[in-house]
Amino acid sequence: MIQEISIPDSLYEQASNLAQEMQISPSDLFSLALEEYLHRHHSQKLLQSINDAYADGLDDSEQAMLEGMRRHQRQLRVVDRSTTP
């Protein structure tokens, strides 16, 4: 599908030079760059959603699970130290 966009000449020149170095067309370079940008944007939104979900802290069941994992880790360290020569 062909779409038209307007970008500054200097940006196009830089992109065109890079595309030539990469031995791809400027259109392919713009597609790759936009794909990468959209992926990063999606990842940032996902991270923000996760941060928002945990912003109010852990509930009781999550706190209990965390304490259980910490106890387990401490036990693993004790076992590891006792088996290390």
PDB file of N, CA and C in Angstrom:
ATOM      1  N   MET A   1       0.844  -1.171   0.000  1.00  0.00           N
ATOM      2  CA  MET A   1       0.000   0.000   0.000  1.00  0.00           C
ATOM      3  C   MET A   1       0.894   1.240   0.000  1.00  0.00           C
ATOM      4  N   ILE A   2       0.604   2.156  -0.821  1.00  0.00           N
ATOM      5  CA  ILE A   2       1.388   3.379  -0.925  1.00  0.00           C
ATOM      6  C   ILE A   2       0.677   4.487  -0.160  1.00  0.00           C
ATOM      7  N   GLN A   3       1.446   5.137   0.730  1.00  0.00           N
ATOM      8  CA  GLN A   3       0.940   6.260   1.512  1.00  0.00           C
ATOM      9  C   GLN A   3       1.900   7.418   1.327  1.00  0.00           C
ATOM     10  N   GLU A   4       1.388   8.615   1.454  1.00  0.00           N
ATOM     11  CA  GLU A   4       2.235   9.788   1.343  1.00  0.00           C
ATOM     12  C   GLU A   4       2.366  10.440   2.699  1.00  0.00           C
ATOM     13  N   ILE A   5       3.602  10.792   3.082  1.00  0.00           N
ATOM     14  CA  ILE A   5       3.836  11.536   4.314  1.00  0.00           C
ATOM     15  C   ILE A   5       4.812  12.652   4.008  1.00  0.00           C
ATOM     16  N   SER A   6       4.815  13.657   4.859  1.00  0.00           N
ATOM     17  CA  SER A   6       5.751  14.773   4.701  1.00  0.00           C
ATOM     18  C   SER A   6       6.728  14.736   5.859  1.00  0.00           C
ATOM     19  N   ILE A   7       8.013  14.800   5.526  1.00  0.00           N
ATOM     20  CA  ILE A   7       9.058  14.862   6.551  1.00  0.00           C
ATOM     21  C   ILE A   7      10.061  15.923   6.125  1.00  0.00           C
ATOM     22  N   PRO A   8      10.796  16.478   7.070  1.00  0.00           N
ATOM     23  CA  PRO A   8      11.798  17.483   6.716  1.00  0.00           C
ATOM     24  C   PRO A   8      12.843  16.898   5.766  1.00  0.00           C
ATOM     25  N   ASP A   9      13.323  17.726   4.850  1.00  0.00           N
ATOM     26  CA  ASP A   9      14.324  17.289   3.869  1.00  0.00           C
ATOM     27  C   ASP A   9      15.569  16.707   4.538  1.00  0.00           C
ATOM     28  N   SER A  10      16.026  17.359   5.616  1.00  0.00           N
ATOM     29  CA  SER A  10      17.247  16.885   6.273  1.00  0.00           C
ATOM     30  C   SER A  10      17.049  15.485   6.863  1.00  0.00           C
ATOM     31  N   LEU A  11      15.884  15.216   7.382  1.00  0.00           N
ATOM     32  CA  LEU A  11      15.601  13.885   7.920  1.00  0.00           C
ATOM     33  C   LEU A  11      15.562  12.855   6.800  1.00  0.00           C
ATOM     34  N   TYR A  12      14.962  13.218   5.701  1.00  0.00           N
ATOM     35  CA  TYR A  12      14.922  12.297   4.567  1.00  0.00           C
ATOM     36  C   TYR A  12      16.323  12.004   4.046  1.00  0.00           C
ATOM     37  N   GLU A  13      17.153  13.030   3.973  1.00  0.00           N
ATOM     38  CA  GLU A  13      18.531  12.842   3.499  1.00  0.00           C
ATOM     39  C   GLU A  13      19.293  11.877   4.402  1.00  0.00           C
ATOM     40  N   GLN A  14      19.177  12.079   5.707  1.00  0.00           N
ATOM     41  CA  GLN A  14      19.857  11.184   6.650  1.00  0.00           C
ATOM     42  C   GLN A  14      19.345   9.751   6.508  1.00  0.00           C
ATOM     43  N   ALA A  15      18.042   9.619   6.395  1.00  0.00           N
ATOM     44  CA  ALA A  15      17.443   8.288   6.254  1.00  0.00           C
ATOM     45  C   ALA A  15      17.859   7.648   4.935  1.00  0.00           C
ATOM     46  N   SER A  16      17.888   8.432   3.901  1.00  0.00           N
ATOM     47  CA  SER A  16      18.280   7.922   2.596  1.00  0.00           C
ATOM     48  C   SER A  16      19.731   7.439   2.609  1.00  0.00           C
ATOM     49  N   ASN A  17      20.611   8.206   3.257  1.00  0.00           N
ATOM     50  CA  ASN A  17      22.013   7.796   3.374  1.00  0.00           C
ATOM     51  C   ASN A  17      22.150   6.504   4.172  1.00  0.00           C
ATOM     52  N   LEU A  18      21.416   6.401   5.260  1.00  0.00           N
ATOM     53  CA  LEU A  18      21.466   5.188   6.067  1.00  0.00           C
ATOM     54  C   LEU A  18      20.908   3.995   5.291  1.00  0.00           C
ATOM     55  N   ALA A  19      19.819   4.201   4.591  1.00  0.00           N
ATOM     56  CA  ALA A  19      19.235   3.130   3.796  1.00  0.00           C
ATOM     57  C   ALA A  19      20.230   2.629   2.752  1.00  0.00           C
ATOM     58  N   GLN A  20      20.944   3.552   2.159  1.00  0.00           N
ATOM     59  CA  GLN A  20      21.945   3.174   1.161  1.00  0.00           C
ATOM     60  C   GLN A  20      23.054   2.346   1.813  1.00  0.00           C
ATOM     61  N   GLU A  21      23.498   2.756   3.002  1.00  0.00           N
ATOM     62  CA  GLU A  21      24.524   1.991   3.728  1.00  0.00           C
ATOM     63  C   GLU A  21      24.022   0.583   4.056  1.00  0.00           C
ATOM     64  N   MET A  22      22.750   0.499   4.412  1.00  0.00           N
ATOM     65  CA  MET A  22      22.162  -0.787   4.797  1.00  0.00           C
ATOM     66  C   MET A  22      21.738  -1.609   3.579  1.00  0.00           C
ATOM     67  N   GLN A  23      21.835  -0.998   2.432  1.00  0.00           N
ATOM     68  CA  GLN A  23      21.439  -1.625   1.170  1.00  0.00           C
ATOM     69  C   GLN A  23      19.962  -2.035   1.163  1.00  0.00           C
ATOM     70  N   ILE A  24      19.128  -1.088   1.639  1.00  0.00           N
ATOM     71  CA  ILE A  24      17.676  -1.265   1.582  1.00  0.00           C
ATOM     72  C   ILE A  24      17.083   0.035   1.065  1.00  0.00           C
ATOM     73  N   SER A  25      15.837   0.001   0.707  1.00  0.00           N
ATOM     74  CA  SER A  25      15.189   1.215   0.210  1.00  0.00           C
ATOM     75  C   SER A  25      14.826   2.121   1.384  1.00  0.00           C
ATOM     76  N   PRO A  26      14.715   3.424   1.115  1.00  0.00           N
ATOM     77  CA  PRO A  26      14.268   4.328   2.171  1.00  0.00           C
ATOM     78  C   PRO A  26      12.909   3.916   2.735  1.00  0.00           C
ATOM     79  N   SER A  27      12.023   3.422   1.891  1.00  0.00           N
ATOM     80  CA  SER A  27      10.710   2.967   2.369  1.00  0.00           C
ATOM     81  C   SER A  27      10.857   1.830   3.367  1.00  0.00           C
ATOM     82  N   ASP A  28      11.753   0.880   3.075  1.00  0.00           N
ATOM     83  CA  ASP A  28      11.980  -0.231   4.001  1.00  0.00           C
ATOM     84  C   ASP A  28      12.566   0.268   5.320  1.00  0.00           C
ATOM     85  N   LEU A  29      13.468   1.245   5.237  1.00  0.00           N
ATOM     86  CA  LEU A  29      14.053   1.803   6.444  1.00  0.00           C
ATOM     87  C   LEU A  29      12.976   2.473   7.295  1.00  0.00           C
ATOM     88  N   PHE A  30      12.123   3.264   6.671  1.00  0.00           N
ATOM     89  CA  PHE A  30      11.051   3.916   7.423  1.00  0.00           C
ATOM     90  C   PHE A  30      10.103   2.885   8.031  1.00  0.00           C
ATOM     91  N   SER A  31       9.830   1.815   7.306  1.00  0.00           N
ATOM     92  CA  SER A  31       8.975   0.749   7.847  1.00  0.00           C
ATOM     93  C   SER A  31       9.620   0.101   9.062  1.00  0.00           C
ATOM     94  N   LEU A  32      10.915  -0.202   8.967  1.00  0.00           N
ATOM     95  CA  LEU A  32      11.634  -0.792  10.102  1.00  0.00           C
ATOM     96  C   LEU A  32      11.637   0.148  11.305  1.00  0.00           C
ATOM     97  N   ALA A  33      11.913   1.406  11.043  1.00  0.00           N
ATOM     98  CA  ALA A  33      11.977   2.385  12.128  1.00  0.00           C
ATOM     99  C   ALA A  33      10.616   2.556  12.799  1.00  0.00           C
ATOM    100  N   LEU A  34       9.567   2.620  12.010  1.00  0.00           N
ATOM    101  CA  LEU A  34       8.229   2.779  12.575  1.00  0.00           C
ATOM    102  C   LEU A  34       7.821   1.541  13.359  1.00  0.00           C
ATOM    103  N   GLU A  35       8.156   0.371  12.840  1.00  0.00           N
ATOM    104  CA  GLU A  35       7.882  -0.880  13.541  1.00  0.00           C
ATOM    105  C   GLU A  35       8.557  -0.881  14.907  1.00  0.00           C
ATOM    106  N   GLU A  36       9.825  -0.498  14.939  1.00  0.00           N
ATOM    107  CA  GLU A  36      10.583  -0.451  16.189  1.00  0.00           C
ATOM    108  C   GLU A  36       9.972   0.561  17.151  1.00  0.00           C
ATOM    109  N   TYR A  37       9.606   1.714  16.639  1.00  0.00           N
ATOM    110  CA  TYR A  37       9.006   2.755  17.477  1.00  0.00           C
ATOM    111  C   TYR A  37       7.697   2.262  18.081  1.00  0.00           C
ATOM    112  N   LEU A  38       6.860   1.641  17.266  1.00  0.00           N
ATOM    113  CA  LEU A  38       5.573   1.140  17.758  1.00  0.00           C
ATOM    114  C   LEU A  38       5.778   0.043  18.801  1.00  0.00           C
ATOM    115  N   HIS A  39       6.769  -0.814  18.591  1.00  0.00           N
ATOM    116  CA  HIS A  39       7.062  -1.866  19.559  1.00  0.00           C
ATOM    117  C   HIS A  39       7.494  -1.249  20.895  1.00  0.00           C
ATOM    118  N   ARG A  40       8.400  -0.272  20.846  1.00  0.00           N
ATOM    119  CA  ARG A  40       8.847   0.397  22.066  1.00  0.00           C
ATOM    120  C   ARG A  40       7.701   1.106  22.773  1.00  0.00           C
ATOM    121  N   HIS A  41       6.852   1.766  21.986  1.00  0.00           N
ATOM    122  CA  HIS A  41       5.703   2.477  22.558  1.00  0.00           C
ATOM    123  C   HIS A  41       4.767   1.492  23.260  1.00  0.00           C
ATOM    124  N   HIS A  42       4.505   0.359  22.623  1.00  0.00           N
ATOM    125  CA  HIS A  42       3.644  -0.667  23.212  1.00  0.00           C
ATOM    126  C   HIS A  42       4.268  -1.183  24.520  1.00  0.00           C
ATOM    127  N   SER A  43       5.575  -1.423  24.514  1.00  0.00           N
ATOM    128  CA  SER A  43       6.265  -1.909  25.708  1.00  0.00           C
ATOM    129  C   SER A  43       6.183  -0.888  26.842  1.00  0.00           C
ATOM    130  N   GLN A  44       6.342   0.380  26.513  1.00  0.00           N
ATOM    131  CA  GLN A  44       6.249   1.428  27.526  1.00  0.00           C
ATOM    132  C   GLN A  44       4.848   1.509  28.116  1.00  0.00           C
ATOM    133  N   LYS A  45       3.831   1.368  27.265  1.00  0.00           N
ATOM    134  CA  LYS A  45       2.458   1.384  27.759  1.00  0.00           C
ATOM    135  C   LYS A  45       2.193   0.187  28.662  1.00  0.00           C
ATOM    136  N   LEU A  46       2.709  -0.981  28.278  1.00  0.00           N
ATOM    137  CA  LEU A  46       2.534  -2.180  29.081  1.00  0.00           C
ATOM    138  C   LEU A  46       3.221  -2.011  30.439  1.00  0.00           C
ATOM    139  N   LEU A  47       4.445  -1.506  30.444  1.00  0.00           N
ATOM    140  CA  LEU A  47       5.162  -1.271  31.688  1.00  0.00           C
ATOM    141  C   LEU A  47       4.412  -0.277  32.566  1.00  0.00           C
ATOM    142  N   GLN A  48       3.877   0.763  31.978  1.00  0.00           N
ATOM    143  CA  GLN A  48       3.122   1.749  32.746  1.00  0.00           C
ATOM    144  C   GLN A  48       1.877   1.116  33.355  1.00  0.00           C
ATOM    145  N   SER A  49       1.216   0.242  32.609  1.00  0.00           N
ATOM    146  CA  SER A  49       0.040  -0.454  33.136  1.00  0.00           C
ATOM    147  C   SER A  49       0.406  -1.332  34.319  1.00  0.00           C
ATOM    148  N   ILE A  50       1.533  -2.028  34.208  1.00  0.00           N
ATOM    149  CA  ILE A  50       1.995  -2.877  35.310  1.00  0.00           C
ATOM    150  C   ILE A  50       2.336  -2.017  36.519  1.00  0.00           C
ATOM    151  N   ASN A  51       3.060  -0.924  36.292  1.00  0.00           N
ATOM    152  CA  ASN A  51       3.401  -0.024  37.395  1.00  0.00           C
ATOM    153  C   ASN A  51       2.158   0.546  38.061  1.00  0.00           C
ATOM    154  N   ASP A  52       1.164   0.917  37.262  1.00  0.00           N
ATOM    155  CA  ASP A  52      -0.082   1.445  37.816  1.00  0.00           C
ATOM    156  C   ASP A  52      -0.802   0.389  38.658  1.00  0.00           C
ATOM    157  N   ALA A  53      -0.770  -0.858  38.187  1.00  0.00           N
ATOM    158  CA  ALA A  53      -1.449  -1.935  38.903  1.00  0.00           C
ATOM    159  C   ALA A  53      -0.824  -2.185  40.268  1.00  0.00           C
ATOM    160  N   TYR A  54       0.483  -1.977  40.385  1.00  0.00           N
ATOM    161  CA  TYR A  54       1.172  -2.233  41.649  1.00  0.00           C
ATOM    162  C   TYR A  54       1.487  -0.965  42.429  1.00  0.00           C
ATOM    163  N   ALA A  55       0.993   0.159  41.978  1.00  0.00           N
ATOM    164  CA  ALA A  55       1.300   1.430  42.628  1.00  0.00           C
ATOM    165  C   ALA A  55       0.770   1.497  44.054  1.00  0.00           C
ATOM    166  N   ASP A  56      -0.318   0.789  44.316  1.00  0.00           N
ATOM    167  CA  ASP A  56      -0.902   0.834  45.653  1.00  0.00           C
ATOM    168  C   ASP A  56      -0.307  -0.217  46.587  1.00  0.00           C
ATOM    169  N   GLY A  57       0.746  -0.893  46.168  1.00  0.00           N
ATOM    170  CA  GLY A  57       1.402  -1.890  47.003  1.00  0.00           C
ATOM    171  C   GLY A  57       0.812  -3.271  46.809  1.00  0.00           C
ATOM    172  N   LEU A  58       1.310  -4.200  47.609  1.00  0.00           N
ATOM    173  CA  LEU A  58       0.884  -5.586  47.503  1.00  0.00           C
ATOM    174  C   LEU A  58      -0.328  -5.826  48.405  1.00  0.00           C
ATOM    175  N   ASP A  59      -1.245  -6.680  47.943  1.00  0.00           N
ATOM    176  CA  ASP A  59      -2.342  -7.067  48.826  1.00  0.00           C
ATOM    177  C   ASP A  59      -1.844  -8.192  49.738  1.00  0.00           C
ATOM    178  N   ASP A  60      -2.676  -8.660  50.645  1.00  0.00           N
ATOM    179  CA  ASP A  60      -2.245  -9.644  51.645  1.00  0.00           C
ATOM    180  C   ASP A  60      -1.730 -10.935  51.017  1.00  0.00           C
ATOM    181  N   SER A  61      -2.412 -11.444  49.991  1.00  0.00           N
ATOM    182  CA  SER A  61      -1.979 -12.702  49.373  1.00  0.00           C
ATOM    183  C   SER A  61      -0.649 -12.525  48.643  1.00  0.00           C
ATOM    184  N   GLU A  62      -0.452 -11.371  47.995  1.00  0.00           N
ATOM    185  CA  GLU A  62       0.811 -11.106  47.308  1.00  0.00           C
ATOM    186  C   GLU A  62       1.950 -10.948  48.320  1.00  0.00           C
ATOM    187  N   GLN A  63       1.661 -10.298  49.435  1.00  0.00           N
ATOM    188  CA  GLN A  63       2.673 -10.121  50.482  1.00  0.00           C
ATOM    189  C   GLN A  63       3.074 -11.476  51.058  1.00  0.00           C
ATOM    190  N   ALA A  64       2.092 -12.366  51.280  1.00  0.00           N
ATOM    191  CA  ALA A  64       2.376 -13.694  51.811  1.00  0.00           C
ATOM    192  C   ALA A  64       3.216 -14.500  50.817  1.00  0.00           C
ATOM    193  N   MET A  65       2.893 -14.400  49.533  1.00  0.00           N
ATOM    194  CA  MET A  65       3.666 -15.104  48.508  1.00  0.00           C
ATOM    195  C   MET A  65       5.100 -14.584  48.462  1.00  0.00           C
ATOM    196  N   LEU A  66       5.264 -13.283  48.562  1.00  0.00           N
ATOM    197  CA  LEU A  66       6.595 -12.686  48.551  1.00  0.00           C
ATOM    198  C   LEU A  66       7.414 -13.173  49.747  1.00  0.00           C
ATOM    199  N   GLU A  67       6.810 -13.197  50.909  1.00  0.00           N
ATOM    200  CA  GLU A  67       7.523 -13.688  52.099  1.00  0.00           C
ATOM    201  C   GLU A  67       7.906 -15.153  51.934  1.00  0.00           C
ATOM    202  N   GLY A  68       7.027 -15.957  51.363  1.00  0.00           N
ATOM    203  CA  GLY A  68       7.328 -17.361  51.116  1.00  0.00           C
ATOM    204  C   GLY A  68       8.499 -17.523  50.151  1.00  0.00           C
ATOM    205  N   MET A  69       8.540 -16.716  49.111  1.00  0.00           N
ATOM    206  CA  MET A  69       9.652 -16.774  48.149  1.00  0.00           C
ATOM    207  C   MET A  69      10.955 -16.362  48.819  1.00  0.00           C
ATOM    208  N   ARG A  70      10.896 -15.356  49.685  1.00  0.00           N
ATOM    209  CA  ARG A  70      12.105 -14.921  50.390  1.00  0.00           C
ATOM    210  C   ARG A  70      12.620 -16.012  51.320  1.00  0.00           C
ATOM    211  N   ARG A  71      11.707 -16.676  52.051  1.00  0.00           N
ATOM    212  CA  ARG A  71      12.116 -17.775  52.933  1.00  0.00           C
ATOM    213  C   ARG A  71      12.772 -18.888  52.129  1.00  0.00           C
ATOM    214  N   HIS A  72      12.155 -19.213  50.992  1.00  0.00           N
ATOM    215  CA  HIS A  72      12.685 -20.270  50.128  1.00  0.00           C
ATOM    216  C   HIS A  72      14.091 -19.904  49.639  1.00  0.00           C
ATOM    217  N   GLN A  73      14.285 -18.666  49.231  1.00  0.00           N
ATOM    218  CA  GLN A  73      15.604 -18.209  48.764  1.00  0.00           C
ATOM    219  C   GLN A  73      16.637 -18.308  49.878  1.00  0.00           C
ATOM    220  N   ARG A  74      16.252 -17.910  51.103  1.00  0.00           N
ATOM    221  CA  ARG A  74      17.185 -18.011  52.229  1.00  0.00           C
ATOM    222  C   ARG A  74      17.567 -19.464  52.482  1.00  0.00           C
ATOM    223  N   GLN A  75      16.602 -20.365  52.389  1.00  0.00           N
ATOM    224  CA  GLN A  75      16.875 -21.791  52.595  1.00  0.00           C
ATOM    225  C   GLN A  75      17.813 -22.313  51.515  1.00  0.00           C
ATOM    226  N   LEU A  76      17.608 -21.892  50.277  1.00  0.00           N
ATOM    227  CA  LEU A  76      18.490 -22.324  49.191  1.00  0.00           C
ATOM    228  C   LEU A  76      19.919 -21.868  49.435  1.00  0.00           C
ATOM    229  N   ARG A  77      20.074 -20.658  49.938  1.00  0.00           N
ATOM    230  CA  ARG A  77      21.417 -20.136  50.211  1.00  0.00           C
ATOM    231  C   ARG A  77      22.102 -20.941  51.321  1.00  0.00           C
ATOM    232  N   VAL A  78      21.338 -21.311  52.347  1.00  0.00           N
ATOM    233  CA  VAL A  78      21.897 -22.097  53.443  1.00  0.00           C
ATOM    234  C   VAL A  78      22.337 -23.462  52.932  1.00  0.00           C
ATOM    235  N   VAL A  79      21.498 -24.114  52.123  1.00  0.00           N
ATOM    236  CA  VAL A  79      21.845 -25.420  51.554  1.00  0.00           C
ATOM    237  C   VAL A  79      23.060 -25.304  50.655  1.00  0.00           C
ATOM    238  N   ASP A  80      23.104 -24.253  49.842  1.00  0.00           N
ATOM    239  CA  ASP A  80      24.222 -24.051  48.914  1.00  0.00           C
ATOM    240  C   ASP A  80      25.530 -23.867  49.688  1.00  0.00           C
ATOM    241  N   ARG A  81      25.508 -23.125  50.767  1.00  0.00           N
ATOM    242  CA  ARG A  81      26.717 -22.895  51.567  1.00  0.00           C
ATOM    243  C   ARG A  81      27.192 -24.185  52.225  1.00  0.00           C
ATOM    244  N   SER A  82      26.252 -25.022  52.631  1.00  0.00           N
ATOM    245  CA  SER A  82      26.643 -26.239  53.326  1.00  0.00           C
ATOM    246  C   SER A  82      27.208 -27.297  52.365  1.00  0.00           C
ATOM    247  N   THR A  83      26.879 -27.186  51.080  1.00  0.00           N
ATOM    248  CA  THR A  83      27.394 -28.154  50.103  1.00  0.00           C
ATOM    249  C   THR A  83      28.614 -27.653  49.356  1.00  0.00           C
ATOM    250  N   THR A  84      28.969 -26.390  49.540  1.00  0.00           N
ATOM    251  CA  THR A  84      30.146 -25.827  48.869  1.00  0.00           C
ATOM    252  C   THR A  84      31.384 -26.208  49.658  1.00  0.00           C
ATOM    253  N   PRO A  85      32.398 -26.802  48.991  1.00  0.00           N
ATOM    254  CA  PRO A  85      33.618 -27.237  49.695  1.00  0.00           C
ATOM    255  C   PRO A  85      34.444 -26.081  50.209  1.00  0.00           C
TER     256      PRO A  85
END
